[in-house]
């Protein structure tokens, strides 16, 4: 099993992040699987920006482009996660991890279950659960190497 692991500094511009990911995928040609980081498509504290640039999971162009490149390269991709719009009236997103096989098919996904909620001081707080809806169960994937 040949593994590629990539780290990127995602911006709040999904198109720019996608170009970086596709380049990393091309560099990973010949490997069996590429592991990418969490929130690969968009990192932003600006809720208005997120609402403008993020897409729902169904028909997501960011994921679709990665699936197509994975198929062309015959590369599995463990997409650490992408932020996707969800249905519902609370306005929260999902932090969705996606596993793509070498045929470019999504074989499993799950939404991050445990949110990062912490108060460090009176002025420094991080409450991921305010912006993200937690998932309810993990996923197990059958791969050519292990389950």
N, C-alpha and C. Protein backbone atom coordinates (compact mmCIF):
# COMPACT_ATOMS: atom_id res chain seq x y z
N UNK A 1 0.85 -1.18 0.00
CA UNK A 1 0.00 0.00 0.00
C UNK A 1 0.89 1.23 0.00
N UNK A 2 0.67 2.11 -0.96
CA UNK A 2 1.42 3.36 -1.05
C UNK A 2 0.51 4.51 -0.67
N UNK A 3 0.94 5.27 0.33
CA UNK A 3 0.10 6.33 0.92
C UNK A 3 0.73 7.70 0.67
N UNK A 4 -0.11 8.64 0.26
CA UNK A 4 0.30 10.04 0.17
C UNK A 4 -0.50 10.82 1.21
N UNK A 5 0.16 11.72 1.90
CA UNK A 5 -0.49 12.55 2.90
C UNK A 5 -0.18 14.00 2.56
N UNK A 6 -1.23 14.80 2.48
CA UNK A 6 -1.04 16.20 2.10
C UNK A 6 -1.60 17.12 3.17
N UNK A 7 -0.94 18.22 3.36
CA UNK A 7 -1.41 19.27 4.25
C UNK A 7 -1.50 20.54 3.44
N UNK A 8 -2.61 21.24 3.55
CA UNK A 8 -2.73 22.53 2.88
C UNK A 8 -3.25 23.56 3.88
N UNK A 9 -3.02 24.81 3.55
CA UNK A 9 -3.61 25.90 4.32
C UNK A 9 -4.79 26.42 3.50
N UNK A 10 -5.97 25.93 3.83
CA UNK A 10 -7.16 26.30 3.08
C UNK A 10 -7.52 27.76 3.33
N UNK A 11 -8.01 28.41 2.28
CA UNK A 11 -8.48 29.78 2.38
C UNK A 11 -10.01 29.77 2.40
N UNK A 12 -10.60 30.93 2.27
CA UNK A 12 -12.06 31.01 2.22
C UNK A 12 -12.57 31.00 0.77
N UNK A 13 -11.71 30.58 -0.16
CA UNK A 13 -12.05 30.53 -1.59
C UNK A 13 -11.98 29.07 -2.08
N UNK A 14 -13.11 28.38 -2.15
CA UNK A 14 -13.10 26.97 -2.56
C UNK A 14 -12.43 26.72 -3.91
N UNK A 15 -12.57 27.60 -4.87
CA UNK A 15 -11.96 27.37 -6.19
C UNK A 15 -10.44 27.34 -6.08
N UNK A 16 -9.86 28.21 -5.28
CA UNK A 16 -8.41 28.21 -5.07
C UNK A 16 -7.98 26.93 -4.36
N UNK A 17 -8.74 26.54 -3.35
CA UNK A 17 -8.41 25.33 -2.60
C UNK A 17 -8.52 24.10 -3.49
N UNK A 18 -9.53 24.07 -4.36
CA UNK A 18 -9.69 22.95 -5.27
C UNK A 18 -8.49 22.84 -6.21
N UNK A 19 -8.02 23.95 -6.74
CA UNK A 19 -6.85 23.92 -7.63
C UNK A 19 -5.65 23.33 -6.90
N UNK A 20 -5.47 23.68 -5.65
CA UNK A 20 -4.37 23.13 -4.85
C UNK A 20 -4.54 21.63 -4.66
N UNK A 21 -5.75 21.20 -4.32
CA UNK A 21 -6.01 19.78 -4.10
C UNK A 21 -5.80 18.97 -5.38
N UNK A 22 -6.30 19.47 -6.50
CA UNK A 22 -6.12 18.74 -7.77
C UNK A 22 -4.63 18.62 -8.12
N UNK A 23 -3.85 19.65 -7.83
CA UNK A 23 -2.41 19.59 -8.05
C UNK A 23 -1.78 18.53 -7.14
N UNK A 24 -2.20 18.49 -5.89
CA UNK A 24 -1.68 17.48 -4.96
C UNK A 24 -2.07 16.08 -5.39
N UNK A 25 -3.26 15.95 -5.94
CA UNK A 25 -3.69 14.64 -6.45
C UNK A 25 -2.80 14.22 -7.61
N UNK A 26 -2.52 15.15 -8.51
CA UNK A 26 -1.63 14.83 -9.64
C UNK A 26 -0.25 14.41 -9.14
N UNK A 27 0.25 15.08 -8.11
CA UNK A 27 1.55 14.72 -7.53
C UNK A 27 1.51 13.36 -6.85
N UNK A 28 0.30 12.92 -6.49
CA UNK A 28 0.12 11.64 -5.79
C UNK A 28 -0.13 10.48 -6.75
N UNK A 29 -0.12 10.75 -8.04
CA UNK A 29 -0.31 9.68 -9.03
C UNK A 29 0.70 8.57 -8.77
N UNK A 30 0.24 7.35 -8.86
CA UNK A 30 1.11 6.21 -8.57
C UNK A 30 1.01 5.72 -7.14
N UNK A 31 0.38 6.52 -6.28
CA UNK A 31 0.12 6.09 -4.91
C UNK A 31 -1.24 5.37 -4.91
N UNK A 32 -1.55 4.70 -3.82
CA UNK A 32 -2.84 4.03 -3.71
C UNK A 32 -3.92 4.94 -3.14
N UNK A 33 -3.53 5.76 -2.17
CA UNK A 33 -4.52 6.61 -1.48
C UNK A 33 -3.86 7.91 -1.05
N UNK A 34 -4.64 8.97 -1.12
CA UNK A 34 -4.20 10.30 -0.67
C UNK A 34 -5.08 10.71 0.49
N UNK A 35 -4.47 11.11 1.59
CA UNK A 35 -5.19 11.63 2.75
C UNK A 35 -5.08 13.15 2.75
N UNK A 36 -6.23 13.83 2.80
CA UNK A 36 -6.29 15.29 2.84
C UNK A 36 -6.82 15.75 4.19
N UNK A 37 -6.59 16.99 4.57
CA UNK A 37 -6.96 17.47 5.90
C UNK A 37 -8.44 17.85 6.04
N UNK A 38 -8.76 18.22 7.26
CA UNK A 38 -10.11 18.68 7.61
C UNK A 38 -10.38 20.03 6.95
N UNK A 39 -11.64 20.29 6.67
CA UNK A 39 -12.16 21.51 6.04
C UNK A 39 -11.28 21.98 4.88
N UNK A 40 -11.06 21.07 3.96
CA UNK A 40 -10.21 21.33 2.80
C UNK A 40 -10.79 22.38 1.87
N UNK A 41 -12.11 22.45 1.77
CA UNK A 41 -12.71 23.33 0.76
C UNK A 41 -12.78 24.80 1.18
N UNK A 42 -12.94 25.08 2.46
CA UNK A 42 -13.13 26.48 2.87
C UNK A 42 -12.93 26.65 4.37
N UNK A 43 -11.99 27.49 4.73
CA UNK A 43 -11.80 27.86 6.13
C UNK A 43 -12.11 29.35 6.25
N UNK A 44 -13.11 29.66 7.05
CA UNK A 44 -13.50 31.06 7.20
C UNK A 44 -14.26 31.25 8.50
N UNK A 45 -14.02 32.37 9.15
CA UNK A 45 -14.80 32.77 10.32
C UNK A 45 -15.94 33.70 9.90
N UNK A 46 -15.99 34.02 8.63
CA UNK A 46 -16.99 34.94 8.08
C UNK A 46 -18.20 34.14 7.60
N UNK A 47 -19.25 34.14 8.39
CA UNK A 47 -20.45 33.37 8.09
C UNK A 47 -21.06 33.78 6.74
N UNK A 48 -21.07 35.05 6.44
CA UNK A 48 -21.63 35.53 5.16
C UNK A 48 -20.82 34.96 3.99
N UNK A 49 -19.50 34.92 4.14
CA UNK A 49 -18.64 34.34 3.10
C UNK A 49 -18.96 32.86 2.91
N UNK A 50 -19.09 32.14 4.01
CA UNK A 50 -19.41 30.72 3.92
C UNK A 50 -20.74 30.50 3.21
N UNK A 51 -21.74 31.27 3.58
CA UNK A 51 -23.06 31.12 2.95
C UNK A 51 -22.99 31.40 1.46
N UNK A 52 -22.10 32.29 1.07
CA UNK A 52 -21.96 32.65 -0.34
C UNK A 52 -21.24 31.57 -1.15
N UNK A 53 -20.19 30.97 -0.60
CA UNK A 53 -19.34 30.09 -1.40
C UNK A 53 -19.55 28.59 -1.19
N UNK A 54 -20.19 28.21 -0.09
CA UNK A 54 -20.37 26.78 0.18
C UNK A 54 -21.58 26.23 -0.57
N UNK A 55 -21.57 24.92 -0.80
CA UNK A 55 -22.64 24.24 -1.51
C UNK A 55 -23.18 23.10 -0.65
N UNK A 56 -24.39 22.64 -0.95
CA UNK A 56 -24.89 21.43 -0.29
C UNK A 56 -24.07 20.22 -0.75
N UNK A 57 -24.21 19.13 -0.05
CA UNK A 57 -23.49 17.90 -0.39
C UNK A 57 -23.93 17.38 -1.76
N UNK A 58 -25.22 17.28 -1.97
CA UNK A 58 -25.73 16.79 -3.25
C UNK A 58 -25.32 17.75 -4.36
N UNK A 59 -24.65 17.24 -5.38
CA UNK A 59 -24.23 18.08 -6.49
C UNK A 59 -23.06 18.99 -6.18
N UNK A 60 -22.33 18.72 -5.12
CA UNK A 60 -21.22 19.57 -4.70
C UNK A 60 -20.10 19.55 -5.74
N UNK A 61 -19.80 20.70 -6.32
CA UNK A 61 -18.82 20.76 -7.41
C UNK A 61 -17.40 20.48 -6.92
N UNK A 62 -17.07 20.85 -5.69
CA UNK A 62 -15.75 20.59 -5.11
C UNK A 62 -15.52 19.08 -5.02
N UNK A 63 -16.46 18.38 -4.41
CA UNK A 63 -16.36 16.93 -4.27
C UNK A 63 -16.39 16.27 -5.65
N UNK A 64 -17.26 16.75 -6.53
CA UNK A 64 -17.37 16.18 -7.87
C UNK A 64 -16.06 16.24 -8.64
N UNK A 65 -15.36 17.36 -8.55
CA UNK A 65 -14.09 17.51 -9.25
C UNK A 65 -13.03 16.56 -8.68
N UNK A 66 -13.05 16.37 -7.39
CA UNK A 66 -12.10 15.43 -6.77
C UNK A 66 -12.43 14.00 -7.19
N UNK A 67 -13.71 13.66 -7.24
CA UNK A 67 -14.12 12.33 -7.70
C UNK A 67 -13.64 12.08 -9.13
N UNK A 68 -13.82 13.05 -9.99
CA UNK A 68 -13.42 12.90 -11.38
C UNK A 68 -11.90 12.71 -11.50
N UNK A 69 -11.13 13.48 -10.76
CA UNK A 69 -9.67 13.36 -10.82
C UNK A 69 -9.24 12.01 -10.20
N UNK A 70 -9.90 11.59 -9.13
CA UNK A 70 -9.58 10.29 -8.52
C UNK A 70 -9.79 9.17 -9.53
N UNK A 71 -10.88 9.25 -10.30
CA UNK A 71 -11.16 8.24 -11.32
C UNK A 71 -10.07 8.25 -12.38
N UNK A 72 -9.70 9.43 -12.86
CA UNK A 72 -8.67 9.54 -13.90
C UNK A 72 -7.33 8.99 -13.44
N UNK A 73 -7.02 9.21 -12.16
CA UNK A 73 -5.73 8.78 -11.62
C UNK A 73 -5.75 7.37 -11.03
N UNK A 74 -6.95 6.81 -10.83
CA UNK A 74 -7.06 5.51 -10.16
C UNK A 74 -6.60 5.61 -8.72
N UNK A 75 -6.96 6.71 -8.06
CA UNK A 75 -6.47 7.05 -6.72
C UNK A 75 -7.62 7.11 -5.72
N UNK A 76 -7.49 6.41 -4.61
CA UNK A 76 -8.42 6.59 -3.51
C UNK A 76 -8.10 7.92 -2.85
N UNK A 77 -9.13 8.61 -2.36
CA UNK A 77 -8.93 9.88 -1.67
C UNK A 77 -9.75 9.88 -0.38
N UNK A 78 -9.06 10.08 0.73
CA UNK A 78 -9.72 10.27 2.02
C UNK A 78 -9.76 11.78 2.23
N UNK A 79 -10.89 12.34 1.90
CA UNK A 79 -11.09 13.78 2.01
C UNK A 79 -11.41 14.08 3.47
N UNK A 80 -10.38 14.52 4.21
CA UNK A 80 -10.51 14.74 5.66
C UNK A 80 -11.86 15.30 6.03
N UNK A 81 -12.23 16.39 5.38
CA UNK A 81 -13.60 16.89 5.44
C UNK A 81 -13.76 18.09 4.55
N UNK A 82 -15.00 18.35 4.23
CA UNK A 82 -15.41 19.56 3.54
C UNK A 82 -16.58 20.14 4.32
N UNK A 83 -16.72 21.43 4.27
CA UNK A 83 -17.87 22.07 4.89
C UNK A 83 -18.97 22.14 3.85
N UNK A 84 -20.15 21.63 4.21
CA UNK A 84 -21.28 21.65 3.29
C UNK A 84 -22.50 22.27 3.95
N UNK A 85 -23.32 22.89 3.12
CA UNK A 85 -24.59 23.43 3.60
C UNK A 85 -25.51 22.27 3.93
N UNK A 86 -26.35 22.45 4.94
CA UNK A 86 -27.32 21.42 5.31
C UNK A 86 -28.73 21.99 5.24
N UNK A 87 -29.68 21.08 5.22
CA UNK A 87 -31.07 21.51 5.29
C UNK A 87 -31.43 21.72 6.75
N UNK A 88 -32.46 22.45 6.98
CA UNK A 88 -32.88 22.70 8.36
C UNK A 88 -32.91 24.18 8.64
N UNK A 89 -33.57 24.52 9.70
CA UNK A 89 -33.76 25.94 10.00
C UNK A 89 -32.73 26.52 10.95
N UNK A 90 -31.78 25.71 11.41
CA UNK A 90 -30.81 26.27 12.36
C UNK A 90 -29.61 26.90 11.65
N UNK A 91 -29.47 26.73 10.34
CA UNK A 91 -28.43 27.40 9.58
C UNK A 91 -27.03 26.85 9.77
N UNK A 92 -26.90 25.72 10.45
CA UNK A 92 -25.56 25.17 10.67
C UNK A 92 -25.11 24.33 9.47
N UNK A 93 -23.81 24.27 9.29
CA UNK A 93 -23.20 23.47 8.24
C UNK A 93 -22.88 22.08 8.77
N UNK A 94 -22.41 21.20 7.89
CA UNK A 94 -21.87 19.91 8.29
C UNK A 94 -20.38 19.90 7.95
N UNK A 95 -19.60 19.29 8.82
CA UNK A 95 -18.17 19.08 8.61
C UNK A 95 -18.06 17.61 8.19
N UNK A 96 -18.09 17.36 6.87
CA UNK A 96 -18.30 16.02 6.32
C UNK A 96 -17.01 15.42 5.77
N UNK A 97 -16.64 14.27 6.31
CA UNK A 97 -15.52 13.49 5.82
C UNK A 97 -16.03 12.58 4.71
N UNK A 98 -15.25 12.49 3.62
CA UNK A 98 -15.70 11.75 2.44
C UNK A 98 -14.60 10.81 1.98
N UNK A 99 -14.96 9.54 1.73
CA UNK A 99 -14.01 8.56 1.19
C UNK A 99 -14.41 8.27 -0.25
N UNK A 100 -13.44 8.48 -1.15
CA UNK A 100 -13.64 8.31 -2.59
C UNK A 100 -12.75 7.17 -3.07
N UNK A 101 -13.32 6.23 -3.82
CA UNK A 101 -12.51 5.11 -4.29
C UNK A 101 -11.81 5.43 -5.61
N UNK A 102 -11.02 4.49 -6.11
CA UNK A 102 -10.22 4.70 -7.31
C UNK A 102 -11.07 4.78 -8.58
N UNK A 103 -12.35 4.45 -8.47
CA UNK A 103 -13.28 4.62 -9.59
C UNK A 103 -13.96 5.99 -9.54
N UNK A 104 -13.56 6.81 -8.56
CA UNK A 104 -14.13 8.14 -8.42
C UNK A 104 -15.51 8.15 -7.79
N UNK A 105 -15.83 7.11 -7.06
CA UNK A 105 -17.14 7.00 -6.41
C UNK A 105 -17.01 7.27 -4.91
N UNK A 106 -17.97 8.01 -4.36
CA UNK A 106 -18.02 8.18 -2.91
C UNK A 106 -18.51 6.86 -2.33
N UNK A 107 -17.67 6.23 -1.51
CA UNK A 107 -18.05 4.94 -0.92
C UNK A 107 -18.53 5.08 0.52
N UNK A 108 -18.26 6.22 1.13
CA UNK A 108 -18.76 6.47 2.49
C UNK A 108 -18.52 7.93 2.84
N UNK A 109 -19.32 8.40 3.77
CA UNK A 109 -19.08 9.72 4.35
C UNK A 109 -19.66 9.72 5.76
N UNK A 110 -19.18 10.64 6.55
CA UNK A 110 -19.80 10.86 7.85
C UNK A 110 -19.56 12.31 8.27
N UNK A 111 -20.46 12.79 9.11
CA UNK A 111 -20.34 14.14 9.64
C UNK A 111 -19.64 14.09 10.99
N UNK A 112 -18.70 15.00 11.17
CA UNK A 112 -17.95 15.08 12.43
C UNK A 112 -18.91 15.03 13.60
N UNK A 113 -18.62 14.17 14.54
CA UNK A 113 -19.53 13.92 15.66
C UNK A 113 -19.23 14.84 16.85
N UNK A 114 -17.97 14.90 17.24
CA UNK A 114 -17.60 15.66 18.43
C UNK A 114 -17.13 17.06 18.04
N UNK A 115 -17.89 18.05 18.45
CA UNK A 115 -17.59 19.44 18.12
C UNK A 115 -16.54 19.99 19.07
N UNK A 116 -15.73 20.92 18.56
CA UNK A 116 -14.69 21.57 19.34
C UNK A 116 -15.31 22.80 20.00
N UNK A 117 -15.75 22.65 21.21
CA UNK A 117 -16.33 23.75 21.98
C UNK A 117 -15.45 23.98 23.21
N UNK A 118 -14.86 25.18 23.29
CA UNK A 118 -14.00 25.47 24.42
C UNK A 118 -14.01 26.96 24.71
N UNK A 119 -13.98 27.30 25.98
CA UNK A 119 -13.83 28.68 26.42
C UNK A 119 -12.46 28.78 27.09
N UNK A 120 -11.58 29.55 26.46
CA UNK A 120 -10.23 29.69 26.98
C UNK A 120 -10.10 30.86 27.95
N UNK A 121 -10.90 31.88 27.71
CA UNK A 121 -10.89 33.05 28.59
C UNK A 121 -12.19 33.81 28.36
N UNK A 122 -12.33 34.95 29.02
CA UNK A 122 -13.53 35.77 28.81
C UNK A 122 -13.61 36.31 27.39
N UNK A 123 -12.48 36.40 26.71
CA UNK A 123 -12.47 36.98 25.37
C UNK A 123 -12.17 35.97 24.26
N UNK A 124 -11.76 34.76 24.62
CA UNK A 124 -11.42 33.77 23.60
C UNK A 124 -12.25 32.50 23.77
N UNK A 125 -13.17 32.32 22.81
CA UNK A 125 -14.08 31.17 22.83
C UNK A 125 -14.16 30.57 21.44
N UNK A 126 -14.24 29.25 21.39
CA UNK A 126 -14.45 28.54 20.14
C UNK A 126 -15.60 27.58 20.36
N UNK A 127 -16.68 27.80 19.66
CA UNK A 127 -17.86 26.96 19.82
C UNK A 127 -18.29 26.46 18.45
N UNK A 128 -17.61 25.39 18.03
CA UNK A 128 -17.87 24.81 16.71
C UNK A 128 -19.34 24.41 16.56
N UNK A 129 -19.96 24.01 17.64
CA UNK A 129 -21.35 23.55 17.57
C UNK A 129 -22.33 24.66 17.21
N UNK A 130 -21.91 25.91 17.32
CA UNK A 130 -22.79 27.01 16.90
C UNK A 130 -22.90 27.09 15.38
N UNK A 131 -21.85 26.69 14.69
CA UNK A 131 -21.85 26.79 13.23
C UNK A 131 -21.98 25.46 12.51
N UNK A 132 -21.77 24.34 13.25
CA UNK A 132 -21.79 23.03 12.63
C UNK A 132 -22.74 22.09 13.37
N UNK A 133 -23.49 21.35 12.60
CA UNK A 133 -24.40 20.35 13.14
C UNK A 133 -23.62 19.04 13.30
N UNK A 134 -23.59 18.46 14.50
CA UNK A 134 -22.83 17.22 14.67
C UNK A 134 -23.51 16.03 14.01
N UNK A 135 -22.68 15.08 13.58
CA UNK A 135 -23.20 13.83 13.06
C UNK A 135 -23.59 12.92 14.21
N UNK A 136 -24.12 11.76 13.86
CA UNK A 136 -24.59 10.83 14.89
C UNK A 136 -23.89 9.49 14.89
N UNK A 137 -23.22 9.13 13.77
CA UNK A 137 -22.53 7.85 13.75
C UNK A 137 -21.35 7.88 12.80
N UNK A 138 -20.35 7.07 13.12
CA UNK A 138 -19.16 6.95 12.29
C UNK A 138 -19.44 6.00 11.13
N UNK A 139 -18.51 5.93 10.20
CA UNK A 139 -18.65 5.03 9.05
C UNK A 139 -17.43 4.13 8.96
N UNK A 140 -17.64 2.92 8.47
CA UNK A 140 -16.56 1.95 8.22
C UNK A 140 -16.56 1.69 6.72
N UNK A 141 -15.37 1.65 6.14
CA UNK A 141 -15.23 1.50 4.69
C UNK A 141 -14.43 0.24 4.37
N UNK A 142 -14.93 -0.54 3.42
CA UNK A 142 -14.15 -1.66 2.89
C UNK A 142 -13.23 -1.12 1.81
N UNK A 143 -11.93 -1.33 1.99
CA UNK A 143 -10.94 -0.88 1.00
C UNK A 143 -10.18 -2.13 0.50
N UNK A 144 -9.39 -1.96 -0.54
CA UNK A 144 -8.57 -3.09 -1.00
C UNK A 144 -7.53 -3.54 0.03
N UNK A 145 -7.26 -2.72 1.03
CA UNK A 145 -6.21 -3.00 1.99
C UNK A 145 -6.73 -3.46 3.34
N UNK A 146 -7.91 -3.01 3.73
CA UNK A 146 -8.46 -3.36 5.05
C UNK A 146 -9.86 -2.79 5.20
N UNK A 147 -10.55 -3.24 6.22
CA UNK A 147 -11.85 -2.67 6.55
C UNK A 147 -11.74 -1.97 7.88
